C-alpha atoms as a PDB file:
ATOM      1  CA  MET A   1      -2.424 -32.744 -15.851  1.00  0.00           C
ATOM      2  CA  THR A   2      -4.552 -32.829 -19.015  1.00  0.00           C
ATOM      3  CA  ILE A   3      -3.754 -30.940 -22.197  1.00  0.00           C
ATOM      4  CA  THR A   4      -6.839 -28.755 -21.644  1.00  0.00           C
ATOM      5  CA  ILE A   5      -5.555 -27.567 -18.271  1.00  0.00           C
ATOM      6  CA  LEU A   6      -2.116 -26.847 -19.749  1.00  0.00           C
ATOM      7  CA  ILE A   7      -3.663 -24.793 -22.557  1.00  0.00           C
ATOM      8  CA  LEU A   8      -5.885 -22.989 -20.043  1.00  0.00           C
ATOM      9  CA  ILE A   9      -2.854 -22.061 -17.935  1.00  0.00           C
ATOM     10  CA  ALA A  10      -1.061 -20.808 -21.064  1.00  0.00           C
ATOM     11  CA  VAL A  11      -4.101 -18.702 -21.991  1.00  0.00           C
ATOM     12  CA  ILE A  12      -4.392 -17.168 -18.507  1.00  0.00           C
ATOM     13  CA  LEU A  13      -0.672 -16.350 -18.466  1.00  0.00           C
ATOM     14  CA  ALA A  14      -1.001 -14.772 -21.929  1.00  0.00           C
ATOM     15  CA  ALA A  15      -4.012 -12.770 -20.701  1.00  0.00           C
ATOM     16  CA  LEU A  16      -2.118 -11.470 -17.683  1.00  0.00           C
ATOM     17  CA  ALA A  17       0.859 -10.646 -19.923  1.00  0.00           C
ATOM     18  CA  PHE A  18      -1.520  -8.649 -22.118  1.00  0.00           C
ATOM     19  CA  GLU A  19      -2.899  -6.869 -19.053  1.00  0.00           C
ATOM     20  CA  PHE A  20       0.608  -6.036 -17.826  1.00  0.00           C
ATOM     21  CA  ILE A  21       1.605  -4.682 -21.248  1.00  0.00           C
ATOM     22  CA  ASN A  22      -1.691  -2.798 -21.402  1.00  0.00           C
ATOM     23  CA  GLY A  23      -0.700  -1.181 -18.103  1.00  0.00           C
ATOM     24  CA  PHE A  24       2.632   0.178 -19.297  1.00  0.00           C
ATOM     25  CA  HIS A  25       1.462   0.725 -22.898  1.00  0.00           C
ATOM     26  CA  ASP A  26      -1.640   2.727 -21.941  1.00  0.00           C
ATOM     27  CA  CYS A  27      -0.453   4.282 -18.683  1.00  0.00           C
ATOM     28  CA  ALA A  28       0.336   7.367 -20.772  1.00  0.00           C
ATOM     29  CA  ASN A  29      -3.434   7.841 -21.064  1.00  0.00           C
ATOM     30  CA  ALA A  30      -3.558   8.751 -17.391  1.00  0.00           C
ATOM     31  CA  ILE A  31      -0.198  10.287 -16.563  1.00  0.00           C
ATOM     32  CA  ALA A  32       1.353  11.759 -19.734  1.00  0.00           C
ATOM     33  CA  THR A  33      -0.072  15.229 -19.219  1.00  0.00           C
ATOM     34  CA  VAL A  34       0.692  15.403 -15.494  1.00  0.00           C
ATOM     35  CA  VAL A  35       4.322  14.451 -16.235  1.00  0.00           C
ATOM     36  CA  SER A  36       4.752  16.793 -19.195  1.00  0.00           C
ATOM     37  CA  THR A  37       3.400  19.773 -17.233  1.00  0.00           C
ATOM     38  CA  LYS A  38       5.763  18.832 -14.359  1.00  0.00           C
ATOM     39  CA  VAL A  39       2.972  18.697 -11.814  1.00  0.00           C
ATOM     40  CA  LEU A  40       4.387  15.350 -10.677  1.00  0.00           C
ATOM     41  CA  SER A  41       7.711  13.649 -11.260  1.00  0.00           C
ATOM     42  CA  PRO A  42       7.581  10.494 -13.419  1.00  0.00           C
ATOM     43  CA  LYS A  43       7.998   8.275 -10.346  1.00  0.00           C
ATOM     44  CA  GLN A  44       5.274  10.078  -8.392  1.00  0.00           C
ATOM     45  CA  ALA A  45       2.932  10.030 -11.387  1.00  0.00           C
ATOM     46  CA  VAL A  46       3.385   6.296 -11.947  1.00  0.00           C
ATOM     47  CA  LEU A  47       2.656   5.437  -8.298  1.00  0.00           C
ATOM     48  CA  PHE A  48      -0.321   7.800  -8.271  1.00  0.00           C
ATOM     49  CA  GLY A  49      -1.683   6.406 -11.532  1.00  0.00           C
ATOM     50  CA  ALA A  50      -1.151   2.767 -10.578  1.00  0.00           C
ATOM     51  CA  SER A  51      -3.092   3.178  -7.320  1.00  0.00           C
ATOM     52  CA  LEU A  52      -6.109   4.680  -9.064  1.00  0.00           C
ATOM     53  CA  GLU A  53      -5.919   2.229 -11.989  1.00  0.00           C
ATOM     54  CA  PHE A  54      -6.323  -0.535  -9.398  1.00  0.00           C
ATOM     55  CA  VAL A  55      -9.333   1.149  -7.789  1.00  0.00           C
ATOM     56  CA  GLY A  56     -10.901   1.797 -11.204  1.00  0.00           C
ATOM     57  CA  ALA A  57     -10.561  -1.872 -12.147  1.00  0.00           C
ATOM     58  CA  LEU A  58     -12.785  -2.809  -9.197  1.00  0.00           C
ATOM     59  CA  THR A  59     -15.667  -0.492 -10.085  1.00  0.00           C
ATOM     60  CA  GLY A  60     -17.699  -2.760 -12.388  1.00  0.00           C
ATOM     61  CA  THR A  61     -17.855  -5.547 -14.970  1.00  0.00           C
ATOM     62  CA  HIS A  62     -20.110  -4.182 -17.735  1.00  0.00           C
ATOM     63  CA  VAL A  63     -17.257  -3.901 -20.250  1.00  0.00           C
ATOM     64  CA  ALA A  64     -15.928  -7.337 -19.276  1.00  0.00           C
ATOM     65  CA  LYS A  65     -19.297  -8.887 -20.141  1.00  0.00           C
ATOM     66  CA  THR A  66     -19.322  -7.170 -23.539  1.00  0.00           C
ATOM     67  CA  ILE A  67     -15.861  -8.533 -24.392  1.00  0.00           C
ATOM     68  CA  GLY A  68     -16.528 -11.983 -22.950  1.00  0.00           C
ATOM     69  CA  ALA A  69     -19.994 -12.639 -24.306  1.00  0.00           C
ATOM     70  CA  GLY A  70     -21.129  -9.852 -26.592  1.00  0.00           C
ATOM     71  CA  ILE A  71     -18.826  -9.641 -29.622  1.00  0.00           C
ATOM     72  CA  VAL A  72     -18.522 -13.291 -30.666  1.00  0.00           C
ATOM     73  CA  ASN A  73     -20.559 -16.413 -29.960  1.00  0.00           C
ATOM     74  CA  GLY A  74     -18.997 -17.810 -26.782  1.00  0.00           C
ATOM     75  CA  GLU A  75     -19.899 -21.369 -27.768  1.00  0.00           C
ATOM     76  CA  MET A  76     -17.643 -21.074 -30.823  1.00  0.00           C
ATOM     77  CA  VAL A  77     -14.668 -19.785 -28.836  1.00  0.00           C
ATOM     78  CA  THR A  78     -12.039 -22.327 -27.816  1.00  0.00           C
ATOM     79  CA  LEU A  79      -8.937 -21.902 -25.682  1.00  0.00           C
ATOM     80  CA  THR A  80      -6.841 -21.916 -28.848  1.00  0.00           C
ATOM     81  CA  VAL A  81      -8.887 -19.050 -30.285  1.00  0.00           C
ATOM     82  CA  ILE A  82      -8.397 -17.021 -27.105  1.00  0.00           C
ATOM     83  CA  PHE A  83      -4.665 -17.749 -27.041  1.00  0.00           C
ATOM     84  CA  CYS A  84      -4.303 -16.593 -30.652  1.00  0.00           C
ATOM     85  CA  ALA A  85      -6.291 -13.418 -29.937  1.00  0.00           C
ATOM     86  CA  LEU A  86      -4.104 -12.552 -26.963  1.00  0.00           C
ATOM     87  CA  SER A  87      -0.889 -13.347 -28.833  1.00  0.00           C
ATOM     88  CA  ALA A  88      -1.856 -11.017 -31.676  1.00  0.00           C
ATOM     89  CA  ALA A  89      -2.810  -8.222 -29.256  1.00  0.00           C
ATOM     90  CA  VAL A  90       0.454  -8.559 -27.316  1.00  0.00           C
ATOM     91  CA  LEU A  91       2.545  -8.481 -30.511  1.00  0.00           C
ATOM     92  CA  TRP A  92       0.721  -5.386 -31.787  1.00  0.00           C
ATOM     93  CA  ASN A  93       1.016  -3.587 -28.445  1.00  0.00           C
ATOM     94  CA  LEU A  94       4.740  -4.294 -28.274  1.00  0.00           C
ATOM     95  CA  LEU A  95       5.227  -3.048 -31.843  1.00  0.00           C
ATOM     96  CA  THR A  96       3.319   0.202 -31.292  1.00  0.00           C
ATOM     97  CA  TRP A  97       5.032   0.714 -27.911  1.00  0.00           C
ATOM     98  CA  TRP A  98       8.427   0.316 -29.601  1.00  0.00           C
ATOM     99  CA  LEU A  99       7.374   2.888 -32.215  1.00  0.00           C
ATOM    100  CA  GLY A 100       6.044   5.198 -29.493  1.00  0.00           C
ATOM    101  CA  LEU A 101       2.519   5.236 -30.950  1.00  0.00           C
ATOM    102  CA  PRO A 102      -0.491   5.358 -28.581  1.00  0.00           C
ATOM    103  CA  SER A 103      -2.599   2.663 -30.252  1.00  0.00           C
ATOM    104  CA  SER A 104      -5.670   1.028 -28.725  1.00  0.00           C
ATOM    105  CA  SER A 105      -5.120  -2.109 -26.637  1.00  0.00           C
ATOM    106  CA  SER A 106      -8.891  -2.587 -26.663  1.00  0.00           C
ATOM    107  CA  HIS A 107      -9.093  -2.719 -30.435  1.00  0.00           C
ATOM    108  CA  ALA A 108      -6.010  -4.950 -30.586  1.00  0.00           C
ATOM    109  CA  LEU A 109      -7.744  -7.487 -28.345  1.00  0.00           C
ATOM    110  CA  ILE A 110     -11.054  -7.237 -30.219  1.00  0.00           C
ATOM    111  CA  GLY A 111      -9.306  -7.592 -33.580  1.00  0.00           C
ATOM    112  CA  GLY A 112      -7.436 -10.643 -32.328  1.00  0.00           C
ATOM    113  CA  LEU A 113     -10.626 -12.248 -31.049  1.00  0.00           C
ATOM    114  CA  LEU A 114     -12.410 -11.603 -34.347  1.00  0.00           C
ATOM    115  CA  GLY A 115      -9.594 -12.965 -36.520  1.00  0.00           C
ATOM    116  CA  ALA A 116      -9.175 -16.300 -34.754  1.00  0.00           C
ATOM    117  CA  THR A 117     -12.936 -16.795 -34.289  1.00  0.00           C
ATOM    118  CA  ILE A 118     -13.672 -16.197 -37.972  1.00  0.00           C
ATOM    119  CA  VAL A 119     -10.995 -18.700 -39.056  1.00  0.00           C
ATOM    120  CA  LYS A 120     -12.333 -21.231 -36.541  1.00  0.00           C
ATOM    121  CA  ALA A 121     -16.102 -20.852 -37.012  1.00  0.00           C
ATOM    122  CA  GLY A 122     -16.776 -18.397 -39.829  1.00  0.00           C
ATOM    123  CA  VAL A 123     -18.229 -14.901 -39.937  1.00  0.00           C
ATOM    124  CA  GLU A 124     -21.562 -16.143 -38.583  1.00  0.00           C
ATOM    125  CA  ALA A 125     -19.902 -16.562 -35.150  1.00  0.00           C
ATOM    126  CA  VAL A 126     -19.585 -12.769 -34.889  1.00  0.00           C
ATOM    127  CA  HIS A 127     -22.391 -10.804 -33.232  1.00  0.00           C
ATOM    128  CA  VAL A 128     -22.409  -8.112 -35.902  1.00  0.00           C
ATOM    129  CA  LYS A 129     -24.936  -5.801 -34.233  1.00  0.00           C
ATOM    130  CA  THR A 130     -23.043  -5.733 -30.929  1.00  0.00           C
ATOM    131  CA  LEU A 131     -19.765  -5.278 -32.805  1.00  0.00           C
ATOM    132  CA  MET A 132     -21.179  -2.316 -34.705  1.00  0.00           C
ATOM    133  CA  ASP A 133     -22.973  -0.715 -31.746  1.00  0.00           C
ATOM    134  CA  LYS A 134     -20.264  -1.133 -29.111  1.00  0.00           C
ATOM    135  CA  VAL A 135     -17.008  -1.214 -31.110  1.00  0.00           C
ATOM    136  CA  ILE A 136     -17.137   0.102 -34.684  1.00  0.00           C
ATOM    137  CA  ILE A 137     -19.426   3.102 -34.171  1.00  0.00           C
ATOM    138  CA  PRO A 138     -17.656   4.189 -30.934  1.00  0.00           C
ATOM    139  CA  MET A 139     -14.308   3.737 -32.726  1.00  0.00           C
ATOM    140  CA  PHE A 140     -15.269   6.599 -35.057  1.00  0.00           C
ATOM    141  CA  THR A 141     -17.402   8.695 -32.723  1.00  0.00           C
ATOM    142  CA  SER A 142     -15.218   8.612 -29.593  1.00  0.00           C
ATOM    143  CA  PRO A 143     -12.254  10.477 -31.165  1.00  0.00           C
ATOM    144  CA  VAL A 144     -14.663  13.149 -32.457  1.00  0.00           C
ATOM    145  CA  LEU A 145     -16.318  13.425 -29.052  1.00  0.00           C
ATOM    146  CA  GLY A 146     -12.905  13.532 -27.353  1.00  0.00           C
ATOM    147  CA  PHE A 147     -11.745  16.352 -29.641  1.00  0.00           C
ATOM    148  CA  CYS A 148     -14.960  18.353 -29.215  1.00  0.00           C
ATOM    149  CA  ALA A 149     -15.087  17.853 -25.432  1.00  0.00           C
ATOM    150  CA  GLY A 150     -11.466  18.969 -25.009  1.00  0.00           C
ATOM    151  CA  PHE A 151     -11.983  21.926 -27.342  1.00  0.00           C
ATOM    152  CA  MET A 152     -15.188  23.116 -25.633  1.00  0.00           C
ATOM    153  CA  LEU A 153     -13.928  22.704 -22.069  1.00  0.00           C
ATOM    154  CA  MET A 154     -10.740  24.601 -22.917  1.00  0.00           C
ATOM    155  CA  LEU A 155     -12.786  27.441 -24.460  1.00  0.00           C
ATOM    156  CA  ILE A 156     -14.963  27.618 -21.333  1.00  0.00           C
ATOM    157  CA  LEU A 157     -11.916  27.729 -19.049  1.00  0.00           C
ATOM    158  CA  ALA A 158     -10.271  30.391 -21.220  1.00  0.00           C
ATOM    159  CA  TRP A 159     -13.469  32.482 -21.104  1.00  0.00           C
ATOM    160  CA  ILE A 160     -13.686  32.192 -17.283  1.00  0.00           C
ATOM    161  CA  ILE A 161     -10.054  33.241 -16.922  1.00  0.00           C
ATOM    162  CA  LEU A 162     -10.559  36.147 -19.330  1.00  0.00           C
ATOM    163  CA  ILE A 163     -13.546  37.631 -17.495  1.00  0.00           C
ATOM    164  CA  SER A 164     -11.924  37.093 -14.096  1.00  0.00           C
ATOM    165  CA  ARG A 165      -8.721  38.788 -15.313  1.00  0.00           C
ATOM    166  CA  ALA A 166      -6.628  36.361 -13.297  1.00  0.00           C
ATOM    167  CA  HIS A 167      -2.856  36.662 -13.476  1.00  0.00           C
ATOM    168  CA  PRO A 168      -1.240  33.891 -15.615  1.00  0.00           C
ATOM    169  CA  ASP A 169       1.043  32.800 -12.761  1.00  0.00           C
ATOM    170  CA  LYS A 170      -1.920  32.472 -10.414  1.00  0.00           C
ATOM    171  CA  VAL A 171      -3.882  30.488 -13.016  1.00  0.00           C
ATOM    172  CA  ASN A 172      -0.937  28.180 -13.613  1.00  0.00           C
ATOM    173  CA  LYS A 173      -0.496  27.552  -9.885  1.00  0.00           C
ATOM    174  CA  LYS A 174      -4.182  26.777  -9.378  1.00  0.00           C
ATOM    175  CA  PHE A 175      -4.386  24.360 -12.284  1.00  0.00           C
ATOM    176  CA  ARG A 176      -1.267  22.522 -11.143  1.00  0.00           C
ATOM    177  CA  LYS A 177      -3.323  21.492  -8.101  1.00  0.00           C
ATOM    178  CA  LEU A 178      -6.478  20.820 -10.092  1.00  0.00           C
ATOM    179  CA  GLN A 179      -4.539  18.621 -12.500  1.00  0.00           C
ATOM    180  CA  LEU A 180      -3.898  16.151  -9.697  1.00  0.00           C
ATOM    181  CA  LEU A 181      -7.671  15.685  -9.539  1.00  0.00           C
ATOM    182  CA  SER A 182      -8.100  15.373 -13.316  1.00  0.00           C
ATOM    183  CA  SER A 183      -5.152  12.990 -13.685  1.00  0.00           C
ATOM    184  CA  GLY A 184      -6.522  10.811 -10.883  1.00  0.00           C
ATOM    185  CA  LEU A 185      -9.949  10.771 -12.555  1.00  0.00           C
ATOM    186  CA  MET A 186      -8.317   9.763 -15.838  1.00  0.00           C
ATOM    187  CA  ALA A 187      -6.429   6.890 -14.171  1.00  0.00           C
ATOM    188  CA  LEU A 188      -9.625   5.758 -12.462  1.00  0.00           C
ATOM    189  CA  SER A 189     -11.566   5.820 -15.746  1.00  0.00           C
ATOM    190  CA  HIS A 190      -8.812   3.949 -17.595  1.00  0.00           C
ATOM    191  CA  GLY A 191      -8.812   1.193 -14.974  1.00  0.00           C
ATOM    192  CA  SER A 192     -12.615   1.005 -15.081  1.00  0.00           C
ATOM    193  CA  ASN A 193     -12.628   0.383 -18.845  1.00  0.00           C
ATOM    194  CA  ASP A 194      -9.363  -1.261 -19.884  1.00  0.00           C
ATOM    195  CA  ALA A 195      -8.809  -3.709 -17.009  1.00  0.00           C
ATOM    196  CA  GLN A 196     -12.269  -5.153 -17.599  1.00  0.00           C
ATOM    197  CA  LYS A 197     -11.383  -6.315 -21.103  1.00  0.00           C
ATOM    198  CA  THR A 198      -8.918  -8.885 -19.796  1.00  0.00           C
ATOM    199  CA  MET A 199     -11.382  -9.904 -17.076  1.00  0.00           C
ATOM    200  CA  GLY A 200     -13.833 -10.816 -19.834  1.00  0.00           C
ATOM    201  CA  ILE A 201     -11.205 -12.776 -21.787  1.00  0.00           C
ATOM    202  CA  ILE A 202     -10.036 -14.784 -18.743  1.00  0.00           C
ATOM    203  CA  THR A 203     -13.620 -15.601 -17.754  1.00  0.00           C
ATOM    204  CA  LEU A 204     -14.326 -16.670 -21.334  1.00  0.00           C
ATOM    205  CA  ALA A 205     -11.252 -18.951 -21.145  1.00  0.00           C
ATOM    206  CA  LEU A 206     -12.422 -20.465 -17.836  1.00  0.00           C
ATOM    207  CA  LEU A 207     -15.805 -21.178 -19.422  1.00  0.00           C
ATOM    208  CA  ALA A 208     -14.192 -22.700 -22.517  1.00  0.00           C
ATOM    209  CA  GLY A 209     -11.934 -24.817 -20.302  1.00  0.00           C
ATOM    210  CA  GLY A 210     -14.867 -26.135 -18.268  1.00  0.00           C
ATOM    211  CA  VAL A 211     -13.665 -24.550 -15.010  1.00  0.00           C
ATOM    212  CA  LEU A 212     -16.641 -22.188 -14.859  1.00  0.00           C
ATOM    213  CA  HIS A 213     -20.226 -22.570 -15.989  1.00  0.00           C
ATOM    214  CA  LYS A 214     -22.865 -19.936 -16.695  1.00  0.00           C
ATOM    215  CA  ASN A 215     -25.440 -19.480 -13.958  1.00  0.00           C
ATOM    216  CA  PRO A 216     -28.985 -20.894 -14.414  1.00  0.00           C
ATOM    217  CA  THR A 217     -30.179 -17.702 -16.089  1.00  0.00           C
ATOM    218  CA  GLY A 218     -27.362 -17.914 -18.642  1.00  0.00           C
ATOM    219  CA  ASP A 219     -25.673 -14.743 -17.410  1.00  0.00           C
ATOM    220  CA  PHE A 220     -21.949 -14.165 -17.796  1.00  0.00           C
ATOM    221  CA  GLU A 221     -20.497 -13.458 -14.320  1.00  0.00           C
ATOM    222  CA  ILE A 222     -16.912 -12.384 -13.571  1.00  0.00           C
ATOM    223  CA  PRO A 223     -15.352 -14.184 -10.535  1.00  0.00           C
ATOM    224  CA  ILE A 224     -13.868 -11.927  -7.869  1.00  0.00           C
ATOM    225  CA  TYR A 225     -10.443 -13.597  -8.143  1.00  0.00           C
ATOM    226  CA  VAL A 226     -10.338 -12.725 -11.853  1.00  0.00           C
ATOM    227  CA  ILE A 227     -11.211  -9.094 -11.054  1.00  0.00           C
ATOM    228  CA  LEU A 228      -8.461  -8.847  -8.424  1.00  0.00           C
ATOM    229  CA  ALA A 229      -5.829 -10.566 -10.590  1.00  0.00           C
ATOM    230  CA  CYS A 230      -6.476  -8.192 -13.493  1.00  0.00           C
ATOM    231  CA  ALA A 231      -6.528  -5.137 -11.233  1.00  0.00           C
ATOM    232  CA  PHE A 232      -3.188  -6.054  -9.639  1.00  0.00           C
ATOM    233  CA  THR A 233      -1.585  -6.886 -12.996  1.00  0.00           C
ATOM    234  CA  MET A 234      -2.652  -3.641 -14.678  1.00  0.00           C
ATOM    235  CA  ALA A 235      -1.426  -1.624 -11.700  1.00  0.00           C
ATOM    236  CA  ALA A 236       1.925  -3.442 -11.854  1.00  0.00           C
ATOM    237  CA  GLY A 237       2.214  -2.695 -15.570  1.00  0.00           C
ATOM    238  CA  THR A 238       1.437   0.973 -14.962  1.00  0.00           C
ATOM    239  CA  MET A 239       4.196   1.157 -12.338  1.00  0.00           C
ATOM    240  CA  ASN A 240       6.704   0.045 -14.975  1.00  0.00           C
ATOM    241  CA  GLY A 241       5.748   2.980 -17.212  1.00  0.00           C
ATOM    242  CA  GLY A 242       5.720   3.399 -20.958  1.00  0.00           C
ATOM    243  CA  TRP A 243       7.901   6.429 -21.429  1.00  0.00           C
ATOM    244  CA  LYS A 244       8.025   6.370 -25.249  1.00  0.00           C
ATOM    245  CA  ILE A 245       4.268   6.827 -25.456  1.00  0.00           C
ATOM    246  CA  ILE A 246       4.227   9.310 -22.576  1.00  0.00           C
ATOM    247  CA  LYS A 247       6.743  11.382 -24.533  1.00  0.00           C
ATOM    248  CA  THR A 248       4.553  11.276 -27.665  1.00  0.00           C
ATOM    249  CA  MET A 249       1.342  12.230 -25.881  1.00  0.00           C
ATOM    250  CA  GLY A 250       2.819  14.644 -23.375  1.00  0.00           C
ATOM    251  CA  HIS A 251       5.286  16.515 -25.582  1.00  0.00           C
ATOM    252  CA  LYS A 252       4.963  15.751 -29.281  1.00  0.00           C
ATOM    253  CA  ILE A 253       1.275  16.514 -29.950  1.00  0.00           C
ATOM    254  CA  ILE A 254       1.266  19.942 -28.290  1.00  0.00           C
ATOM    255  CA  LYS A 255       3.261  21.746 -25.608  1.00  0.00           C
ATOM    256  CA  LEU A 256       1.080  21.388 -22.524  1.00  0.00           C
ATOM    257  CA  LYS A 257       0.520  23.668 -19.559  1.00  0.00           C
ATOM    258  CA  PRO A 258      -1.410  22.578 -16.431  1.00  0.00           C
ATOM    259  CA  ILE A 259      -4.669  24.148 -17.644  1.00  0.00           C
ATOM    260  CA  HIS A 260      -4.397  22.202 -20.919  1.00  0.00           C
ATOM    261  CA  GLY A 261      -3.704  18.961 -19.084  1.00  0.00           C
ATOM    262  CA  PHE A 262      -6.690  19.552 -16.782  1.00  0.00           C
ATOM    263  CA  ALA A 263      -9.038  20.242 -19.702  1.00  0.00           C
ATOM    264  CA  ALA A 264      -7.894  17.194 -21.697  1.00  0.00           C
ATOM    265  CA  GLU A 265      -7.994  14.771 -18.763  1.00  0.00           C
ATOM    266  CA  THR A 266     -11.317  15.946 -17.347  1.00  0.00           C
ATOM    267  CA  SER A 267     -13.150  15.817 -20.684  1.00  0.00           C
ATOM    268  CA  ALA A 268     -11.649  12.431 -21.607  1.00  0.00           C
ATOM    269  CA  ALA A 269     -12.323  10.866 -18.201  1.00  0.00           C
ATOM    270  CA  GLY A 270     -15.976  11.938 -18.332  1.00  0.00           C
ATOM    271  CA  LEU A 271     -16.473  10.221 -21.689  1.00  0.00           C
ATOM    272  CA  ILE A 272     -14.656   7.038 -20.626  1.00  0.00           C
ATOM    273  CA  LEU A 273     -16.551   6.648 -17.340  1.00  0.00           C
ATOM    274  CA  THR A 274     -19.829   7.073 -19.230  1.00  0.00           C
ATOM    275  CA  ALA A 275     -18.784   4.365 -21.718  1.00  0.00           C
ATOM    276  CA  SER A 276     -17.787   2.008 -18.880  1.00  0.00           C
ATOM    277  CA  HIS A 277     -21.220   2.443 -17.290  1.00  0.00           C
ATOM    278  CA  PHE A 278     -22.907   1.344 -20.528  1.00  0.00           C
ATOM    279  CA  GLY A 279     -20.524  -1.559 -21.129  1.00  0.00           C
ATOM    280  CA  ILE A 280     -18.820   0.025 -24.157  1.00  0.00           C
ATOM    281  CA  PRO A 281     -15.168  -1.090 -24.558  1.00  0.00           C
ATOM    282  CA  LEU A 282     -14.002   2.368 -25.544  1.00  0.00           C
ATOM    283  CA  SER A 283     -10.457   3.126 -26.651  1.00  0.00           C
ATOM    284  CA  THR A 284      -9.131   5.279 -23.824  1.00  0.00           C
ATOM    285  CA  THR A 285      -6.149   6.054 -26.059  1.00  0.00           C
ATOM    286  CA  HIS A 286      -8.341   7.524 -28.798  1.00  0.00           C
ATOM    287  CA  VAL A 287     -10.291   9.680 -26.369  1.00  0.00           C
ATOM    288  CA  ILE A 288      -7.402  11.226 -24.432  1.00  0.00           C
ATOM    289  CA  SER A 289      -5.286  11.717 -27.580  1.00  0.00           C
ATOM    290  CA  THR A 290      -8.039  13.591 -29.401  1.00  0.00           C
ATOM    291  CA  ALA A 291      -8.940  15.528 -26.259  1.00  0.00           C
ATOM    292  CA  ILE A 292      -5.327  16.778 -26.199  1.00  0.00           C
ATOM    293  CA  MET A 293      -5.652  17.703 -29.886  1.00  0.00           C
ATOM    294  CA  GLY A 294      -8.908  19.536 -29.184  1.00  0.00           C
ATOM    295  CA  VAL A 295      -7.326  21.488 -26.346  1.00  0.00           C
ATOM    296  CA  GLY A 296      -4.348  22.372 -28.548  1.00  0.00           C
ATOM    297  CA  SER A 297      -6.609  23.565 -31.352  1.00  0.00           C
ATOM    298  CA  THR A 298      -8.000  26.336 -29.133  1.00  0.00           C
ATOM    299  CA  LEU A 299      -4.559  27.973 -29.181  1.00  0.00           C
ATOM    300  CA  HIS A 300      -4.011  27.963 -32.936  1.00  0.00           C
ATOM    301  CA  ALA A 301      -3.960  25.335 -35.685  1.00  0.00           C
ATOM    302  CA  HIS A 302      -0.173  25.127 -35.721  1.00  0.00           C
ATOM    303  CA  ALA A 303      -0.050  24.354 -31.989  1.00  0.00           C
ATOM    304  CA  VAL A 304      -0.916  20.751 -32.842  1.00  0.00           C
ATOM    305  CA  LYS A 305       1.808  18.801 -34.609  1.00  0.00           C
ATOM    306  CA  TRP A 306      -0.381  17.248 -37.277  1.00  0.00           C
ATOM    307  CA  LYS A 307       2.333  15.000 -38.725  1.00  0.00           C
ATOM    308  CA  ILE A 308       2.540  13.186 -35.380  1.00  0.00           C
ATOM    309  CA  VAL A 309      -1.260  13.080 -35.267  1.00  0.00           C
ATOM    310  CA  GLY A 310      -1.277  11.490 -38.732  1.00  0.00           C
ATOM    311  CA  ASN A 311       1.033   8.698 -37.535  1.00  0.00           C
ATOM    312  CA  ILE A 312      -1.193   8.081 -34.522  1.00  0.00           C
ATOM    313  CA  VAL A 313      -4.394   7.961 -36.593  1.00  0.00           C
ATOM    314  CA  THR A 314      -2.764   5.527 -39.040  1.00  0.00           C
ATOM    315  CA  ALA A 315      -2.002   3.191 -36.135  1.00  0.00           C
ATOM    316  CA  TRP A 316      -5.621   3.485 -34.962  1.00  0.00           C
ATOM    317  CA  ILE A 317      -7.017   2.559 -38.385  1.00  0.00           C
ATOM    318  CA  LEU A 318      -4.670  -0.399 -38.785  1.00  0.00           C
ATOM    319  CA  THR A 319      -5.109  -1.890 -35.304  1.00  0.00           C
ATOM    320  CA  ILE A 320      -8.241  -4.037 -35.752  1.00  0.00           C
ATOM    321  CA  PRO A 321      -7.454  -5.376 -39.270  1.00  0.00           C
ATOM    322  CA  ALA A 322      -3.772  -5.955 -38.400  1.00  0.00           C
ATOM    323  CA  CYS A 323      -4.663  -7.893 -35.256  1.00  0.00           C
ATOM    324  CA  MET A 324      -7.336  -9.862 -37.105  1.00  0.00           C
ATOM    325  CA  PHE A 325      -4.699 -10.892 -39.657  1.00  0.00           C
ATOM    326  CA  LEU A 326      -2.087 -11.723 -36.991  1.00  0.00           C
ATOM    327  CA  SER A 327      -4.544 -13.758 -34.943  1.00  0.00           C
ATOM    328  CA  ALA A 328      -5.863 -15.622 -37.988  1.00  0.00           C
ATOM    329  CA  ALA A 329      -2.296 -16.407 -39.106  1.00  0.00           C
ATOM    330  CA  ILE A 330      -1.312 -17.677 -35.654  1.00  0.00           C
ATOM    331  CA  TYR A 331      -4.442 -19.860 -35.498  1.00  0.00           C
ATOM    332  CA  TYR A 332      -3.736 -21.261 -38.965  1.00  0.00           C
ATOM    333  CA  VAL A 333      -0.134 -22.143 -38.053  1.00  0.00           C
ATOM    334  CA  ILE A 334      -1.207 -23.837 -34.802  1.00  0.00           C
ATOM    335  CA  TYR A 335      -3.947 -25.741 -36.663  1.00  0.00           C
ATOM    336  CA  GLN A 336      -1.430 -26.961 -39.257  1.00  0.00           C
ATOM    337  CA  ILE A 337       1.064 -28.117 -36.613  1.00  0.00           C
ATOM    338  CA  PHE A 338      -1.403 -29.815 -34.272  1.00  0.00           C
END
């Protein structure tokens, strides 16, 4: 067995480890609200979410192609670069999971890929326009859109309830059922966006290792076995849960009721599914977190625990530069040793 094959195996294992951690780190995106409002028990929510995460992962490959071929020059990416990127993303995800902060696995992976690629081939290896259009700009606009969408949908629901003069108990009962739909849509959207990122990385590794080759038109195609492996791995990670982050998102930002959970999940899922369709590797964490904040802000300003929000936003800002630094450092150490 050649050294290239051994490195390729190590990279694929690291990618699947990242996908598994992404599953339990980001599963809160889909099931935190449905657990906190007690619509489902934690065990029921995890099984429900995992099933729909798997289905969502099979719905397309637009985001995978952006990650695998759009952000950096694929010809400059080696297996070592990919391994360093994944290692940095895994370390960052584990740190933020331990701290209970819902950071972005997407941005961790992108930051890792940028850091190692720049050390290896220089800044010119980065596709700056694609990075700006599909990562940096959405990084700032998606939280704003998430907040506004959650805020507006909650206002609309509150207005409908007000004019219908429905009894609070009846409203609560109805939205407990509707939240099953919104939570399922959120899980589906998360799988459609987040699972694809690892698909792109594994395909990039297979190309770098000479196992795959681009088709005659030069297109970047994702093999079906890569799609299935990533879908299964993310679903398995989701089934293991990430209760620290679920607690932060479901209880610490605001105190949620079923109508709040429905509004946050529905607005966030709509934005994420739209981004997946256009191949934008959106941070599902940013969108659902700010949607929850937007929903909470319709009650009163003090309903949102802004100190917790500040900690979350700090983690968001640090994710890409921190992972770039980690990945670059890991690449430098490996280069010095070998």
